Amino acid sequence: MNAVTNFQTFNIDGVPYDGCISALSLNVAAGIRPSKCIGTLGSRDMILGTLEITGSMDLYFKDGTLYDKFVAGTEFAYNFRMVDGAGNAYTVYIPRAKYETGEVVAGGRNTDVMFRANWRGLYDGTAGHVIRILKDPVA
């Protein structure tokens, strides 16, 4: 899938984002570590660690709303949906996130003003997860 033909929606706090997104990344680190033992080829066991969900956003600066969330340390939720060529839809939900870094980038004359931010997913006790990925089968 790609960000042109397959990217369908992007919502922040349940509201469709109508600004322009330049870049969006999502990183999943499962924190799994192998248990290596003498006498065993490979790993004897895999030990579960802490799931870390992080990412970044580069957005054309439309207004101060998202920047204000960064400055105030306000949590937000977001989701996006992608659909493959066969019609399978995948929706990624991050119910709680918080900006860790953020900056307004204005390169100079005749350049666009961007809001560049890194965020971290937080555990949502009500939902019971940090990330949720739903797959809708072909209709």
N, C-alpha and C. Protein backbone atom coordinates (compact mmCIF):
# COMPACT_ATOMS: atom_id res chain seq x y z
N MET A 1 0.84 -1.18 0.00
CA MET A 1 0.00 0.00 0.00
C MET A 1 0.89 1.25 0.00
N ASN A 2 0.32 2.33 -0.47
CA ASN A 2 1.07 3.57 -0.48
C ASN A 2 0.21 4.72 0.04
N ALA A 3 0.84 5.86 0.27
CA ALA A 3 0.17 6.99 0.88
C ALA A 3 -0.64 7.83 -0.10
N VAL A 4 -0.67 7.43 -1.37
CA VAL A 4 -1.42 8.20 -2.36
C VAL A 4 -2.75 7.54 -2.66
N THR A 5 -2.70 6.30 -3.14
CA THR A 5 -3.94 5.65 -3.57
C THR A 5 -4.63 4.85 -2.47
N ASN A 6 -3.93 4.50 -1.41
CA ASN A 6 -4.52 3.64 -0.40
C ASN A 6 -4.88 4.34 0.91
N PHE A 7 -4.35 5.52 1.15
CA PHE A 7 -4.63 6.27 2.38
C PHE A 7 -6.01 6.89 2.27
N GLN A 8 -6.90 6.55 3.21
CA GLN A 8 -8.29 6.99 3.11
C GLN A 8 -8.66 8.11 4.07
N THR A 9 -8.42 7.93 5.36
CA THR A 9 -8.85 8.92 6.35
C THR A 9 -7.79 9.11 7.41
N PHE A 10 -7.83 10.27 8.06
CA PHE A 10 -6.97 10.57 9.19
C PHE A 10 -7.79 11.43 10.13
N ASN A 11 -7.99 10.94 11.36
CA ASN A 11 -8.80 11.64 12.34
C ASN A 11 -7.97 11.93 13.58
N ILE A 12 -8.17 13.11 14.14
CA ILE A 12 -7.56 13.47 15.41
C ILE A 12 -8.70 13.78 16.37
N ASP A 13 -8.70 13.08 17.50
CA ASP A 13 -9.78 13.21 18.50
C ASP A 13 -11.15 13.00 17.87
N GLY A 14 -11.24 12.05 16.94
CA GLY A 14 -12.51 11.69 16.32
C GLY A 14 -12.98 12.64 15.24
N VAL A 15 -12.19 13.66 14.92
CA VAL A 15 -12.58 14.65 13.91
C VAL A 15 -11.68 14.48 12.68
N PRO A 16 -12.28 14.39 11.48
CA PRO A 16 -11.45 14.28 10.28
C PRO A 16 -10.51 15.47 10.15
N TYR A 17 -9.24 15.17 9.92
CA TYR A 17 -8.24 16.23 9.75
C TYR A 17 -8.31 16.72 8.32
N ASP A 18 -8.58 18.00 8.13
CA ASP A 18 -8.73 18.52 6.77
C ASP A 18 -7.51 19.29 6.30
N GLY A 19 -6.45 19.27 7.11
CA GLY A 19 -5.19 19.89 6.70
C GLY A 19 -4.39 18.93 5.84
N CYS A 20 -3.22 19.36 5.47
CA CYS A 20 -2.35 18.57 4.61
C CYS A 20 -1.27 17.89 5.45
N ILE A 21 -1.09 16.61 5.25
CA ILE A 21 -0.09 15.82 5.96
C ILE A 21 1.07 15.57 4.99
N SER A 22 2.27 15.95 5.41
CA SER A 22 3.44 15.74 4.58
C SER A 22 4.07 14.38 4.84
N ALA A 23 4.11 13.97 6.11
CA ALA A 23 4.71 12.69 6.48
C ALA A 23 4.05 12.18 7.75
N LEU A 24 3.94 10.87 7.84
CA LEU A 24 3.34 10.22 8.99
C LEU A 24 4.07 8.89 9.19
N SER A 25 4.57 8.66 10.40
CA SER A 25 5.22 7.37 10.66
C SER A 25 4.65 6.74 11.90
N LEU A 26 4.71 5.42 11.94
CA LEU A 26 4.24 4.63 13.07
C LEU A 26 5.29 3.56 13.32
N ASN A 27 5.82 3.51 14.54
CA ASN A 27 6.84 2.53 14.91
C ASN A 27 6.31 1.65 16.03
N VAL A 28 6.47 0.35 15.86
CA VAL A 28 6.04 -0.61 16.87
C VAL A 28 7.26 -1.39 17.33
N ALA A 29 7.59 -1.28 18.61
CA ALA A 29 8.70 -2.03 19.21
C ALA A 29 8.10 -2.95 20.26
N ALA A 30 8.16 -4.24 20.00
CA ALA A 30 7.51 -5.21 20.88
C ALA A 30 8.29 -5.48 22.16
N GLY A 31 9.56 -5.15 22.19
CA GLY A 31 10.35 -5.36 23.41
C GLY A 31 10.59 -6.84 23.71
N ILE A 32 10.48 -7.70 22.70
CA ILE A 32 10.71 -9.13 22.90
C ILE A 32 12.21 -9.40 22.88
N ARG A 33 12.67 -10.17 23.84
CA ARG A 33 14.09 -10.50 23.86
C ARG A 33 14.26 -12.01 23.97
N PRO A 34 15.27 -12.54 23.28
CA PRO A 34 15.48 -13.99 23.29
C PRO A 34 16.23 -14.44 24.54
N SER A 35 15.93 -15.64 24.97
CA SER A 35 16.64 -16.28 26.07
C SER A 35 17.60 -17.30 25.44
N LYS A 36 18.89 -16.99 25.45
CA LYS A 36 19.92 -17.85 24.84
C LYS A 36 20.52 -18.75 25.91
N CYS A 37 20.63 -20.00 25.60
CA CYS A 37 21.17 -20.96 26.56
C CYS A 37 22.23 -21.84 25.89
N ILE A 38 23.27 -22.16 26.64
CA ILE A 38 24.28 -23.10 26.16
C ILE A 38 23.60 -24.44 25.92
N GLY A 39 23.93 -25.05 24.80
CA GLY A 39 23.34 -26.34 24.47
C GLY A 39 22.08 -26.23 23.62
N THR A 40 21.67 -25.01 23.32
CA THR A 40 20.47 -24.79 22.51
C THR A 40 20.84 -23.93 21.31
N LEU A 41 20.55 -24.43 20.11
CA LEU A 41 20.78 -23.66 18.91
C LEU A 41 19.61 -22.69 18.77
N GLY A 42 19.91 -21.43 18.68
CA GLY A 42 18.84 -20.43 18.61
C GLY A 42 18.41 -20.02 20.00
N SER A 43 17.19 -19.62 20.13
CA SER A 43 16.65 -19.17 21.42
C SER A 43 15.82 -20.27 22.05
N ARG A 44 15.95 -20.41 23.35
CA ARG A 44 15.14 -21.39 24.07
C ARG A 44 13.75 -20.82 24.34
N ASP A 45 13.70 -19.50 24.56
CA ASP A 45 12.43 -18.87 24.90
C ASP A 45 12.47 -17.42 24.42
N MET A 46 11.31 -16.84 24.30
CA MET A 46 11.18 -15.42 23.98
C MET A 46 10.47 -14.77 25.16
N ILE A 47 11.09 -13.74 25.71
CA ILE A 47 10.55 -13.07 26.88
C ILE A 47 9.88 -11.77 26.43
N LEU A 48 8.63 -11.61 26.84
CA LEU A 48 7.88 -10.42 26.44
C LEU A 48 8.33 -9.22 27.24
N GLY A 49 8.48 -8.10 26.57
CA GLY A 49 8.85 -6.84 27.21
C GLY A 49 7.72 -5.83 27.08
N THR A 50 8.06 -4.58 27.14
CA THR A 50 7.08 -3.51 27.06
C THR A 50 6.84 -3.11 25.61
N LEU A 51 5.60 -3.04 25.21
CA LEU A 51 5.23 -2.61 23.88
C LEU A 51 5.35 -1.09 23.81
N GLU A 52 6.12 -0.61 22.85
CA GLU A 52 6.27 0.84 22.67
C GLU A 52 5.77 1.23 21.29
N ILE A 53 4.83 2.16 21.27
CA ILE A 53 4.27 2.67 20.04
C ILE A 53 4.69 4.14 19.94
N THR A 54 5.42 4.48 18.90
CA THR A 54 5.86 5.85 18.70
C THR A 54 5.69 6.22 17.23
N GLY A 55 5.87 7.48 16.94
CA GLY A 55 5.77 7.90 15.56
C GLY A 55 6.05 9.38 15.42
N SER A 56 5.87 9.85 14.21
CA SER A 56 6.07 11.27 13.94
C SER A 56 5.03 11.75 12.93
N MET A 57 4.83 13.06 12.93
CA MET A 57 3.90 13.71 12.00
C MET A 57 4.56 14.98 11.49
N ASP A 58 4.48 15.20 10.21
CA ASP A 58 4.85 16.48 9.61
C ASP A 58 3.59 17.01 8.94
N LEU A 59 3.05 18.08 9.49
CA LEU A 59 1.80 18.63 9.00
C LEU A 59 2.00 20.07 8.57
N TYR A 60 1.36 20.44 7.46
CA TYR A 60 1.39 21.85 7.09
C TYR A 60 0.67 22.63 8.18
N PHE A 61 1.27 23.71 8.63
CA PHE A 61 0.72 24.48 9.74
C PHE A 61 -0.55 25.18 9.29
N LYS A 62 -1.68 24.66 9.74
CA LYS A 62 -2.98 25.18 9.34
C LYS A 62 -3.48 26.20 10.35
N ASP A 63 -3.38 25.83 11.61
CA ASP A 63 -3.72 26.71 12.72
C ASP A 63 -2.94 26.21 13.93
N GLY A 64 -3.13 26.79 15.07
CA GLY A 64 -2.33 26.43 16.23
C GLY A 64 -2.87 25.29 17.06
N THR A 65 -3.92 24.61 16.63
CA THR A 65 -4.58 23.60 17.45
C THR A 65 -3.64 22.48 17.88
N LEU A 66 -2.96 21.86 16.94
CA LEU A 66 -2.08 20.74 17.28
C LEU A 66 -0.84 21.22 18.03
N TYR A 67 -0.33 22.36 17.65
CA TYR A 67 0.82 22.92 18.36
C TYR A 67 0.44 23.23 19.81
N ASP A 68 -0.77 23.74 20.02
CA ASP A 68 -1.24 24.01 21.38
C ASP A 68 -1.31 22.74 22.21
N LYS A 69 -1.68 21.62 21.60
CA LYS A 69 -1.69 20.33 22.32
C LYS A 69 -0.28 19.97 22.78
N PHE A 70 0.70 20.23 21.93
CA PHE A 70 2.09 19.97 22.30
C PHE A 70 2.51 20.86 23.46
N VAL A 71 2.28 22.15 23.36
CA VAL A 71 2.69 23.10 24.39
C VAL A 71 2.03 22.78 25.73
N ALA A 72 0.74 22.44 25.71
CA ALA A 72 -0.01 22.17 26.94
C ALA A 72 0.20 20.74 27.46
N GLY A 73 0.83 19.87 26.66
CA GLY A 73 1.00 18.48 27.07
C GLY A 73 -0.31 17.72 27.05
N THR A 74 -1.22 18.13 26.19
CA THR A 74 -2.55 17.53 26.09
C THR A 74 -2.51 16.23 25.30
N GLU A 75 -3.14 15.21 25.82
CA GLU A 75 -3.24 13.93 25.10
C GLU A 75 -4.24 14.07 23.96
N PHE A 76 -4.08 13.20 22.98
CA PHE A 76 -5.01 13.16 21.85
C PHE A 76 -5.12 11.73 21.37
N ALA A 77 -6.17 11.47 20.63
CA ALA A 77 -6.37 10.16 20.00
C ALA A 77 -6.30 10.39 18.49
N TYR A 78 -5.84 9.37 17.77
CA TYR A 78 -5.90 9.49 16.32
C TYR A 78 -6.05 8.12 15.69
N ASN A 79 -6.54 8.13 14.48
CA ASN A 79 -6.65 6.90 13.70
C ASN A 79 -6.54 7.24 12.23
N PHE A 80 -6.14 6.23 11.48
CA PHE A 80 -6.12 6.38 10.03
C PHE A 80 -6.53 5.06 9.41
N ARG A 81 -7.02 5.16 8.18
CA ARG A 81 -7.54 3.98 7.47
C ARG A 81 -6.87 3.90 6.12
N MET A 82 -6.50 2.65 5.76
CA MET A 82 -5.92 2.39 4.45
C MET A 82 -6.68 1.23 3.82
N VAL A 83 -6.81 1.27 2.50
CA VAL A 83 -7.52 0.22 1.77
C VAL A 83 -6.61 -0.28 0.66
N ASP A 84 -6.41 -1.62 0.59
CA ASP A 84 -5.54 -2.16 -0.44
C ASP A 84 -6.29 -2.32 -1.76
N GLY A 85 -5.59 -2.75 -2.79
CA GLY A 85 -6.17 -2.90 -4.12
C GLY A 85 -7.31 -3.90 -4.20
N ALA A 86 -7.34 -4.86 -3.28
CA ALA A 86 -8.40 -5.86 -3.27
C ALA A 86 -9.61 -5.40 -2.47
N GLY A 87 -9.51 -4.24 -1.83
CA GLY A 87 -10.64 -3.72 -1.05
C GLY A 87 -10.58 -4.02 0.43
N ASN A 88 -9.50 -4.67 0.88
CA ASN A 88 -9.34 -4.91 2.32
C ASN A 88 -8.99 -3.59 3.00
N ALA A 89 -9.68 -3.27 4.09
CA ALA A 89 -9.44 -2.02 4.80
C ALA A 89 -8.77 -2.31 6.13
N TYR A 90 -7.79 -1.50 6.46
CA TYR A 90 -7.07 -1.61 7.73
C TYR A 90 -7.17 -0.26 8.43
N THR A 91 -7.67 -0.26 9.65
CA THR A 91 -7.77 0.96 10.43
C THR A 91 -6.89 0.83 11.66
N VAL A 92 -6.00 1.80 11.85
CA VAL A 92 -5.09 1.83 12.99
C VAL A 92 -5.60 2.88 13.97
N TYR A 93 -5.84 2.44 15.21
CA TYR A 93 -6.33 3.33 16.26
C TYR A 93 -5.26 3.50 17.34
N ILE A 94 -4.98 4.72 17.71
CA ILE A 94 -4.14 5.06 18.85
C ILE A 94 -5.06 5.85 19.79
N PRO A 95 -5.60 5.21 20.84
CA PRO A 95 -6.60 5.89 21.68
C PRO A 95 -6.03 6.99 22.57
N ARG A 96 -4.75 6.89 22.92
CA ARG A 96 -4.10 7.91 23.75
C ARG A 96 -2.68 8.13 23.23
N ALA A 97 -2.37 9.35 22.90
CA ALA A 97 -1.02 9.70 22.46
C ALA A 97 -0.68 11.05 23.03
N LYS A 98 0.61 11.30 23.09
CA LYS A 98 1.08 12.58 23.60
C LYS A 98 2.33 12.97 22.81
N TYR A 99 2.39 14.24 22.44
CA TYR A 99 3.58 14.72 21.75
C TYR A 99 4.76 14.74 22.71
N GLU A 100 5.89 14.21 22.27
CA GLU A 100 7.12 14.28 23.06
C GLU A 100 7.98 15.46 22.63
N THR A 101 8.00 15.72 21.34
CA THR A 101 8.71 16.88 20.82
C THR A 101 7.82 17.51 19.75
N GLY A 102 8.02 18.77 19.54
CA GLY A 102 7.27 19.47 18.51
C GLY A 102 7.94 20.78 18.18
N GLU A 103 7.88 21.15 16.93
CA GLU A 103 8.45 22.42 16.53
C GLU A 103 7.74 22.94 15.30
N VAL A 104 7.67 24.23 15.23
CA VAL A 104 7.15 24.88 14.04
C VAL A 104 8.37 25.17 13.17
N VAL A 105 8.34 24.64 11.95
CA VAL A 105 9.47 24.80 11.04
C VAL A 105 9.07 25.78 9.95
N ALA A 106 9.78 26.87 9.90
CA ALA A 106 9.58 27.88 8.86
C ALA A 106 10.94 28.16 8.25
N GLY A 107 11.20 27.59 7.09
CA GLY A 107 12.52 27.66 6.49
C GLY A 107 12.94 29.03 6.00
N GLY A 108 11.99 29.83 5.61
CA GLY A 108 12.35 31.14 5.10
C GLY A 108 11.36 31.61 4.06
N ARG A 109 11.78 32.57 3.29
CA ARG A 109 10.93 33.16 2.26
C ARG A 109 10.51 32.09 1.25
N ASN A 110 9.25 32.11 0.87
CA ASN A 110 8.68 31.20 -0.12
C ASN A 110 8.76 29.73 0.30
N THR A 111 8.68 29.47 1.60
CA THR A 111 8.62 28.10 2.09
C THR A 111 7.37 27.94 2.95
N ASP A 112 6.90 26.73 3.06
CA ASP A 112 5.71 26.45 3.87
C ASP A 112 6.09 26.35 5.33
N VAL A 113 5.13 26.67 6.19
CA VAL A 113 5.31 26.52 7.63
C VAL A 113 4.76 25.14 8.00
N MET A 114 5.59 24.36 8.69
CA MET A 114 5.23 22.99 9.05
C MET A 114 5.23 22.83 10.57
N PHE A 115 4.40 21.92 11.05
CA PHE A 115 4.46 21.48 12.44
C PHE A 115 5.03 20.07 12.41
N ARG A 116 6.22 19.90 12.95
CA ARG A 116 6.91 18.61 12.97
C ARG A 116 6.93 18.13 14.42
N ALA A 117 6.39 16.92 14.64
CA ALA A 117 6.26 16.43 16.02
C ALA A 117 6.50 14.93 16.11
N ASN A 118 7.06 14.51 17.22
CA ASN A 118 7.18 13.09 17.57
C ASN A 118 6.21 12.82 18.71
N TRP A 119 5.55 11.67 18.66
CA TRP A 119 4.56 11.33 19.67
C TRP A 119 4.82 9.94 20.21
N ARG A 120 4.19 9.64 21.33
CA ARG A 120 4.27 8.31 21.96
C ARG A 120 2.86 7.88 22.32
N GLY A 121 2.54 6.60 22.01
CA GLY A 121 1.27 6.03 22.40
C GLY A 121 1.29 5.66 23.88
N LEU A 122 0.18 5.90 24.56
CA LEU A 122 0.04 5.61 25.98
C LEU A 122 -1.02 4.54 26.18
N TYR A 123 -0.87 3.74 27.22
CA TYR A 123 -1.85 2.70 27.51
C TYR A 123 -3.18 3.34 27.88
N ASP A 124 -4.24 2.85 27.27
CA ASP A 124 -5.59 3.31 27.57
C ASP A 124 -6.27 2.24 28.42
N GLY A 125 -6.43 2.51 29.71
CA GLY A 125 -7.01 1.54 30.63
C GLY A 125 -8.45 1.20 30.29
N THR A 126 -9.21 2.14 29.74
CA THR A 126 -10.59 1.87 29.37
C THR A 126 -10.66 0.94 28.17
N ALA A 127 -9.87 1.25 27.14
CA ALA A 127 -9.87 0.42 25.93
C ALA A 127 -9.07 -0.86 26.13
N GLY A 128 -8.07 -0.82 27.04
CA GLY A 128 -7.27 -2.00 27.33
C GLY A 128 -6.12 -2.23 26.36
N HIS A 129 -5.67 -1.18 25.67
CA HIS A 129 -4.57 -1.33 24.72
C HIS A 129 -3.90 0.02 24.43
N VAL A 130 -2.76 -0.07 23.75
CA VAL A 130 -2.05 1.13 23.29
C VAL A 130 -2.36 1.37 21.82
N ILE A 131 -2.49 0.30 21.08
CA ILE A 131 -2.78 0.36 19.65
C ILE A 131 -3.79 -0.72 19.31
N ARG A 132 -4.61 -0.42 18.32
CA ARG A 132 -5.59 -1.41 17.84
C ARG A 132 -5.60 -1.31 16.32
N ILE A 133 -5.47 -2.46 15.68
CA ILE A 133 -5.50 -2.50 14.22
C ILE A 133 -6.65 -3.42 13.82
N LEU A 134 -7.60 -2.88 13.08
CA LEU A 134 -8.75 -3.65 12.63
C LEU A 134 -8.67 -3.86 11.14
N LYS A 135 -9.00 -5.09 10.71
CA LYS A 135 -9.03 -5.42 9.29
C LYS A 135 -10.47 -5.72 8.91
N ASP A 136 -10.95 -5.00 7.91
CA ASP A 136 -12.27 -5.26 7.35
C ASP A 136 -12.07 -6.09 6.09
N PRO A 137 -12.72 -7.24 5.98
CA PRO A 137 -12.54 -8.06 4.78
C PRO A 137 -13.16 -7.39 3.55
N VAL A 138 -12.79 -7.90 2.40
CA VAL A 138 -13.34 -7.42 1.14
C VAL A 138 -14.85 -7.53 1.19
N ALA A 139 -15.52 -6.47 0.79
CA ALA A 139 -16.99 -6.45 0.82
C ALA A 139 -17.59 -7.35 -0.23
